[in-house]
Amino acid sequence: MKKKLFSTILVVMLALSMALSVSAAPKTFVLDDAGLLTQQEAAELSGTLSRLSDTYDAQIVVATISSMEGGDVDTYVEYVYDTMGFGYGENKDGAVLLVCMDVRQYRILSNGYAGVAIGPDQIDTLCDFMDTYLPGGHYTTAFDAFAEQCEKFLDGHLNGYPFNVGKNLLISLVIGLAAGLIVAFVLKGQLKSVRKQYQANVYVKQG
């Protein structure tokens, strides 16, 4: 009984020590297991993501792997995010771009308040950039674009202004123009027609 109790306590202590070591470890922003970047490119990208993460209090990560060994990409990206302890704070605020070279696929996962700032529509926008650069092997450009767009979405979410200002402005102008035309046609229909008169007696009051 004592031996079993001691083993249980040892396991709990080990788990706590692992949790503390993970929380105390410096945050990682670039995991290039697939070797898609040079050391200089990885260092520059890590600096950019570190600044971005600290500014918006959400850990932004780029990770590449050579093989998932037959795993599922959607499951694997969640596994990586949780296992590596990504994300800031209790809600694990952050986002990760995972590139899997063996299956030639990528996934973008966002969590916490970053999951609101970088929601489905924003991820679609990020995917447009990835689909443009990744197939041609332009990995540095793709990762830089990922960082730039994440900063745009996070900043827009926190500061309360939309990213598609031009689109919203165009929509507002179209709606305003349509409303103005409707009002103009309504007022026009209420006006009485005025015609030139050639006889002065139409203006003379009888009697």
C-alpha atoms as a PDB file:
ATOM      1  CA  MET A   1       0.000   0.000   0.000  1.00  0.00           C
ATOM      2  CA  LYS A   2       2.802   2.369   0.950  1.00  0.00           C
ATOM      3  CA  LYS A   3       4.685   1.438  -2.211  1.00  0.00           C
ATOM      4  CA  LYS A   4       1.620   2.190  -4.354  1.00  0.00           C
ATOM      5  CA  LEU A   5       1.095   5.524  -2.592  1.00  0.00           C
ATOM      6  CA  PHE A   6       4.750   6.463  -3.094  1.00  0.00           C
ATOM      7  CA  SER A   7       4.503   5.650  -6.815  1.00  0.00           C
ATOM      8  CA  THR A   8       1.395   7.813  -7.149  1.00  0.00           C
ATOM      9  CA  ILE A   9       3.086  10.749  -5.422  1.00  0.00           C
ATOM     10  CA  LEU A  10       6.147  10.320  -7.640  1.00  0.00           C
ATOM     11  CA  VAL A  11       4.033  10.409 -10.790  1.00  0.00           C
ATOM     12  CA  VAL A  12       2.216  13.552  -9.611  1.00  0.00           C
ATOM     13  CA  MET A  13       5.516  15.262  -8.752  1.00  0.00           C
ATOM     14  CA  LEU A  14       6.938  14.329 -12.138  1.00  0.00           C
ATOM     15  CA  ALA A  15       3.893  15.711 -13.921  1.00  0.00           C
ATOM     16  CA  LEU A  16       4.115  18.955 -11.959  1.00  0.00           C
ATOM     17  CA  SER A  17       7.818  19.314 -12.688  1.00  0.00           C
ATOM     18  CA  MET A  18       7.177  18.810 -16.415  1.00  0.00           C
ATOM     19  CA  ALA A  19       4.403  21.398 -16.367  1.00  0.00           C
ATOM     20  CA  LEU A  20       6.646  23.886 -14.591  1.00  0.00           C
ATOM     21  CA  SER A  21       9.503  23.264 -16.986  1.00  0.00           C
ATOM     22  CA  VAL A  22       7.257  23.842 -19.980  1.00  0.00           C
ATOM     23  CA  SER A  23       5.850  27.062 -18.546  1.00  0.00           C
ATOM     24  CA  ALA A  24       9.318  28.295 -17.582  1.00  0.00           C
ATOM     25  CA  ALA A  25      10.866  27.435 -20.931  1.00  0.00           C
ATOM     26  CA  PRO A  26      11.296  30.278 -23.410  1.00  0.00           C
ATOM     27  CA  LYS A  27       8.572  30.492 -26.015  1.00  0.00           C
ATOM     28  CA  THR A  28       9.271  29.049 -29.458  1.00  0.00           C
ATOM     29  CA  PHE A  29       8.142  30.853 -32.590  1.00  0.00           C
ATOM     30  CA  VAL A  30       9.779  28.841 -35.371  1.00  0.00           C
ATOM     31  CA  LEU A  31       9.988  25.042 -35.488  1.00  0.00           C
ATOM     32  CA  ASP A  32      11.608  24.138 -38.799  1.00  0.00           C
ATOM     33  CA  ASP A  33      11.883  20.376 -38.534  1.00  0.00           C
ATOM     34  CA  ALA A  34      11.589  20.043 -42.327  1.00  0.00           C
ATOM     35  CA  GLY A  35      14.563  22.361 -42.895  1.00  0.00           C
ATOM     36  CA  LEU A  36      12.770  24.741 -45.249  1.00  0.00           C
ATOM     37  CA  LEU A  37      14.635  27.799 -43.973  1.00  0.00           C
ATOM     38  CA  THR A  38      18.273  28.737 -43.590  1.00  0.00           C
ATOM     39  CA  GLN A  39      19.512  29.586 -40.113  1.00  0.00           C
ATOM     40  CA  GLN A  40      19.443  33.279 -40.947  1.00  0.00           C
ATOM     41  CA  GLU A  41      15.912  33.092 -42.385  1.00  0.00           C
ATOM     42  CA  ALA A  42      14.687  31.164 -39.335  1.00  0.00           C
ATOM     43  CA  ALA A  43      16.311  33.678 -36.965  1.00  0.00           C
ATOM     44  CA  GLU A  44      14.770  36.659 -38.772  1.00  0.00           C
ATOM     45  CA  LEU A  45      11.338  35.035 -38.863  1.00  0.00           C
ATOM     46  CA  SER A  46      11.603  34.111 -35.187  1.00  0.00           C
ATOM     47  CA  GLY A  47      12.431  37.733 -34.345  1.00  0.00           C
ATOM     48  CA  THR A  48       9.432  38.971 -36.304  1.00  0.00           C
ATOM     49  CA  LEU A  49       7.056  36.482 -34.702  1.00  0.00           C
ATOM     50  CA  SER A  50       8.466  37.172 -31.227  1.00  0.00           C
ATOM     51  CA  ARG A  51       7.862  40.907 -31.597  1.00  0.00           C
ATOM     52  CA  LEU A  52       4.405  40.285 -32.998  1.00  0.00           C
ATOM     53  CA  SER A  53       3.517  37.850 -30.209  1.00  0.00           C
ATOM     54  CA  ASP A  54       4.701  40.155 -27.438  1.00  0.00           C
ATOM     55  CA  THR A  55       2.925  43.169 -28.948  1.00  0.00           C
ATOM     56  CA  TYR A  56      -0.458  41.468 -29.178  1.00  0.00           C
ATOM     57  CA  ASP A  57      -0.035  38.993 -26.320  1.00  0.00           C
ATOM     58  CA  ALA A  58      -0.734  36.000 -28.544  1.00  0.00           C
ATOM     59  CA  GLN A  59       1.904  33.468 -29.562  1.00  0.00           C
ATOM     60  CA  ILE A  60       2.234  33.260 -33.352  1.00  0.00           C
ATOM     61  CA  VAL A  61       4.179  30.214 -34.554  1.00  0.00           C
ATOM     62  CA  VAL A  62       5.380  28.746 -37.836  1.00  0.00           C
ATOM     63  CA  ALA A  63       6.100  24.995 -37.699  1.00  0.00           C
ATOM     64  CA  THR A  64       7.277  22.627 -40.430  1.00  0.00           C
ATOM     65  CA  ILE A  65       7.599  18.853 -40.207  1.00  0.00           C
ATOM     66  CA  SER A  66       9.053  16.295 -42.587  1.00  0.00           C
ATOM     67  CA  SER A  67       6.538  13.543 -41.873  1.00  0.00           C
ATOM     68  CA  MET A  68       3.478  12.874 -39.754  1.00  0.00           C
ATOM     69  CA  GLU A  69       4.022   9.124 -40.133  1.00  0.00           C
ATOM     70  CA  GLY A  70       0.535   8.532 -41.489  1.00  0.00           C
ATOM     71  CA  GLY A  71      -1.281  10.852 -39.115  1.00  0.00           C
ATOM     72  CA  ASP A  72      -4.132  13.221 -39.881  1.00  0.00           C
ATOM     73  CA  VAL A  73      -3.151  16.853 -40.476  1.00  0.00           C
ATOM     74  CA  ASP A  74      -6.127  18.343 -38.616  1.00  0.00           C
ATOM     75  CA  THR A  75      -5.483  16.174 -35.578  1.00  0.00           C
ATOM     76  CA  TYR A  76      -1.749  16.685 -35.751  1.00  0.00           C
ATOM     77  CA  VAL A  77      -1.881  20.483 -35.715  1.00  0.00           C
ATOM     78  CA  GLU A  78      -3.972  20.360 -32.525  1.00  0.00           C
ATOM     79  CA  TYR A  79      -1.556  17.834 -31.048  1.00  0.00           C
ATOM     80  CA  VAL A  80       1.422  20.072 -31.818  1.00  0.00           C
ATOM     81  CA  TYR A  81      -0.289  23.146 -30.387  1.00  0.00           C
ATOM     82  CA  ASP A  82      -1.184  21.400 -27.136  1.00  0.00           C
ATOM     83  CA  THR A  83       1.966  19.314 -26.713  1.00  0.00           C
ATOM     84  CA  MET A  84       4.346  22.217 -27.319  1.00  0.00           C
ATOM     85  CA  GLY A  85       2.400  24.412 -24.939  1.00  0.00           C
ATOM     86  CA  PHE A  86       1.722  27.097 -27.527  1.00  0.00           C
ATOM     87  CA  GLY A  87      -0.382  30.111 -26.628  1.00  0.00           C
ATOM     88  CA  TYR A  88      -0.240  32.863 -24.010  1.00  0.00           C
ATOM     89  CA  GLY A  89      -2.268  32.989 -20.830  1.00  0.00           C
ATOM     90  CA  GLU A  90      -4.999  30.757 -19.506  1.00  0.00           C
ATOM     91  CA  ASN A  91      -6.837  30.688 -22.836  1.00  0.00           C
ATOM     92  CA  LYS A  92      -3.698  29.752 -24.800  1.00  0.00           C
ATOM     93  CA  ASP A  93      -4.072  32.759 -27.096  1.00  0.00           C
ATOM     94  CA  GLY A  94      -2.190  32.258 -30.320  1.00  0.00           C
ATOM     95  CA  ALA A  95      -2.041  30.854 -33.828  1.00  0.00           C
ATOM     96  CA  VAL A  96       0.143  28.350 -35.638  1.00  0.00           C
ATOM     97  CA  LEU A  97       0.860  27.612 -39.284  1.00  0.00           C
ATOM     98  CA  LEU A  98       1.830  23.949 -39.671  1.00  0.00           C
ATOM     99  CA  VAL A  99       3.368  22.750 -42.953  1.00  0.00           C
ATOM    100  CA  CYS A 100       3.575  18.966 -43.480  1.00  0.00           C
ATOM    101  CA  MET A 101       5.972  18.106 -46.290  1.00  0.00           C
ATOM    102  CA  ASP A 102       5.230  14.383 -46.656  1.00  0.00           C
ATOM    103  CA  VAL A 103       1.584  14.988 -47.524  1.00  0.00           C
ATOM    104  CA  ARG A 104       2.216  18.455 -49.009  1.00  0.00           C
ATOM    105  CA  GLN A 105      -0.472  20.021 -46.839  1.00  0.00           C
ATOM    106  CA  TYR A 106      -0.681  22.823 -44.328  1.00  0.00           C
ATOM    107  CA  ARG A 107      -3.085  23.854 -41.593  1.00  0.00           C
ATOM    108  CA  ILE A 108      -3.690  27.100 -39.701  1.00  0.00           C
ATOM    109  CA  LEU A 109      -5.017  26.880 -36.156  1.00  0.00           C
ATOM    110  CA  SER A 110      -5.951  29.852 -33.978  1.00  0.00           C
ATOM    111  CA  ASN A 111      -6.994  29.764 -30.337  1.00  0.00           C
ATOM    112  CA  GLY A 112      -8.270  32.024 -27.557  1.00  0.00           C
ATOM    113  CA  TYR A 113      -8.937  35.633 -28.449  1.00  0.00           C
ATOM    114  CA  ALA A 114      -6.650  35.124 -31.452  1.00  0.00           C
ATOM    115  CA  GLY A 115      -9.232  32.587 -32.600  1.00  0.00           C
ATOM    116  CA  VAL A 116     -11.720  35.459 -32.813  1.00  0.00           C
ATOM    117  CA  ALA A 117      -9.327  37.909 -34.449  1.00  0.00           C
ATOM    118  CA  ILE A 118      -8.116  35.230 -36.865  1.00  0.00           C
ATOM    119  CA  GLY A 119     -11.423  33.499 -37.518  1.00  0.00           C
ATOM    120  CA  PRO A 120     -12.590  31.439 -40.515  1.00  0.00           C
ATOM    121  CA  ASP A 121     -12.759  34.417 -42.897  1.00  0.00           C
ATOM    122  CA  GLN A 122      -9.291  35.579 -41.914  1.00  0.00           C
ATOM    123  CA  ILE A 123      -7.907  32.048 -42.241  1.00  0.00           C
ATOM    124  CA  ASP A 124      -9.345  31.921 -45.762  1.00  0.00           C
ATOM    125  CA  THR A 125      -7.370  35.068 -46.540  1.00  0.00           C
ATOM    126  CA  LEU A 126      -4.223  33.530 -45.083  1.00  0.00           C
ATOM    127  CA  CYS A 127      -4.801  30.407 -47.161  1.00  0.00           C
ATOM    128  CA  ASP A 128      -4.889  32.519 -50.317  1.00  0.00           C
ATOM    129  CA  PHE A 129      -1.355  33.661 -49.544  1.00  0.00           C
ATOM    130  CA  MET A 130      -0.224  30.133 -48.687  1.00  0.00           C
ATOM    131  CA  ASP A 131      -1.718  28.735 -51.901  1.00  0.00           C
ATOM    132  CA  THR A 132       0.163  31.397 -53.844  1.00  0.00           C
ATOM    133  CA  TYR A 133       3.621  30.916 -52.332  1.00  0.00           C
ATOM    134  CA  LEU A 134       3.942  27.425 -50.850  1.00  0.00           C
ATOM    135  CA  PRO A 135       3.477  25.326 -54.029  1.00  0.00           C
ATOM    136  CA  GLY A 136       6.364  27.176 -55.685  1.00  0.00           C
ATOM    137  CA  GLY A 137       8.649  26.660 -52.710  1.00  0.00           C
ATOM    138  CA  HIS A 138       8.614  30.340 -51.692  1.00  0.00           C
ATOM    139  CA  TYR A 139       8.605  29.430 -48.029  1.00  0.00           C
ATOM    140  CA  THR A 140      10.175  32.598 -46.639  1.00  0.00           C
ATOM    141  CA  THR A 141       7.696  34.782 -48.533  1.00  0.00           C
ATOM    142  CA  ALA A 142       4.787  32.613 -47.374  1.00  0.00           C
ATOM    143  CA  PHE A 143       5.832  32.737 -43.724  1.00  0.00           C
ATOM    144  CA  ASP A 144       6.457  36.486 -43.857  1.00  0.00           C
ATOM    145  CA  ALA A 145       2.996  36.961 -45.367  1.00  0.00           C
ATOM    146  CA  PHE A 146       1.510  34.809 -42.599  1.00  0.00           C
ATOM    147  CA  ALA A 147       3.135  37.002 -39.952  1.00  0.00           C
ATOM    148  CA  GLU A 148       2.107  40.237 -41.677  1.00  0.00           C
ATOM    149  CA  GLN A 149      -1.513  39.207 -42.067  1.00  0.00           C
ATOM    150  CA  CYS A 150      -1.747  37.903 -38.499  1.00  0.00           C
ATOM    151  CA  GLU A 151      -0.525  41.275 -37.265  1.00  0.00           C
ATOM    152  CA  LYS A 152      -3.106  43.011 -39.432  1.00  0.00           C
ATOM    153  CA  PHE A 153      -5.959  40.898 -38.069  1.00  0.00           C
ATOM    154  CA  LEU A 154      -4.867  41.125 -34.435  1.00  0.00           C
ATOM    155  CA  ASP A 155      -4.359  44.867 -34.624  1.00  0.00           C
ATOM    156  CA  GLY A 156      -7.711  45.356 -36.309  1.00  0.00           C
ATOM    157  CA  HIS A 157      -9.472  43.231 -33.717  1.00  0.00           C
ATOM    158  CA  LEU A 158      -7.944  45.038 -30.738  1.00  0.00           C
ATOM    159  CA  ASN A 159      -8.270  48.554 -32.107  1.00  0.00           C
ATOM    160  CA  GLY A 160     -11.775  48.119 -33.456  1.00  0.00           C
ATOM    161  CA  TYR A 161     -11.406  49.054 -37.093  1.00  0.00           C
ATOM    162  CA  PRO A 162     -12.163  46.827 -40.075  1.00  0.00           C
ATOM    163  CA  PHE A 163      -9.528  45.469 -42.395  1.00  0.00           C
ATOM    164  CA  ASN A 164     -11.608  45.733 -45.562  1.00  0.00           C
ATOM    165  CA  VAL A 165     -12.162  49.488 -45.327  1.00  0.00           C
ATOM    166  CA  GLY A 166     -12.272  49.889 -49.092  1.00  0.00           C
ATOM    167  CA  LYS A 167     -14.890  47.182 -49.485  1.00  0.00           C
ATOM    168  CA  ASN A 168     -17.067  48.566 -46.690  1.00  0.00           C
ATOM    169  CA  LEU A 169     -16.760  52.088 -48.079  1.00  0.00           C
ATOM    170  CA  LEU A 170     -17.837  50.916 -51.530  1.00  0.00           C
ATOM    171  CA  ILE A 171     -20.826  49.079 -50.074  1.00  0.00           C
ATOM    172  CA  SER A 172     -21.817  52.162 -48.065  1.00  0.00           C
ATOM    173  CA  LEU A 173     -21.569  54.366 -51.150  1.00  0.00           C
ATOM    174  CA  VAL A 174     -23.720  51.996 -53.210  1.00  0.00           C
ATOM    175  CA  ILE A 175     -26.357  51.792 -50.474  1.00  0.00           C
ATOM    176  CA  GLY A 176     -26.331  55.566 -50.037  1.00  0.00           C
ATOM    177  CA  LEU A 177     -26.647  56.165 -53.757  1.00  0.00           C
ATOM    178  CA  ALA A 178     -29.544  53.704 -54.056  1.00  0.00           C
ATOM    179  CA  ALA A 179     -31.345  55.301 -51.102  1.00  0.00           C
ATOM    180  CA  GLY A 180     -30.800  58.766 -52.583  1.00  0.00           C
ATOM    181  CA  LEU A 181     -32.246  57.736 -55.939  1.00  0.00           C
ATOM    182  CA  ILE A 182     -35.313  56.219 -54.293  1.00  0.00           C
ATOM    183  CA  VAL A 183     -35.955  59.403 -52.326  1.00  0.00           C
ATOM    184  CA  ALA A 184     -35.445  61.529 -55.433  1.00  0.00           C
ATOM    185  CA  PHE A 185     -37.944  59.488 -57.461  1.00  0.00           C
ATOM    186  CA  VAL A 186     -40.500  59.644 -54.636  1.00  0.00           C
ATOM    187  CA  LEU A 187     -40.201  63.424 -54.360  1.00  0.00           C
ATOM    188  CA  LYS A 188     -40.353  63.797 -58.102  1.00  0.00           C
ATOM    189  CA  GLY A 189     -43.626  61.875 -58.186  1.00  0.00           C
ATOM    190  CA  GLN A 190     -45.135  64.275 -55.654  1.00  0.00           C
ATOM    191  CA  LEU A 191     -44.290  67.438 -57.636  1.00  0.00           C
ATOM    192  CA  LYS A 192     -46.971  69.106 -59.806  1.00  0.00           C
ATOM    193  CA  SER A 193     -45.913  69.853 -63.320  1.00  0.00           C
ATOM    194  CA  VAL A 194     -45.400  73.536 -64.182  1.00  0.00           C
ATOM    195  CA  ARG A 195     -46.044  74.702 -67.734  1.00  0.00           C
ATOM    196  CA  LYS A 196     -45.532  78.052 -69.414  1.00  0.00           C
ATOM    197  CA  GLN A 197     -48.723  80.054 -69.760  1.00  0.00           C
ATOM    198  CA  TYR A 198     -49.361  82.376 -72.685  1.00  0.00           C
ATOM    199  CA  GLN A 199     -52.477  84.069 -71.354  1.00  0.00           C
ATOM    200  CA  ALA A 200     -52.341  86.398 -68.380  1.00  0.00           C
ATOM    201  CA  ASN A 201     -55.977  85.809 -67.404  1.00  0.00           C
ATOM    202  CA  VAL A 202     -55.127  82.488 -65.771  1.00  0.00           C
ATOM    203  CA  TYR A 203     -53.524  84.452 -62.962  1.00  0.00           C
ATOM    204  CA  VAL A 204     -56.533  86.806 -62.492  1.00  0.00           C
ATOM    205  CA  LYS A 205     -58.834  86.012 -59.607  1.00  0.00           C
ATOM    206  CA  GLN A 206     -62.483  85.960 -60.658  1.00  0.00           C
ATOM    207  CA  GLY A 207     -64.531  88.988 -59.493  1.00  0.00           C
END
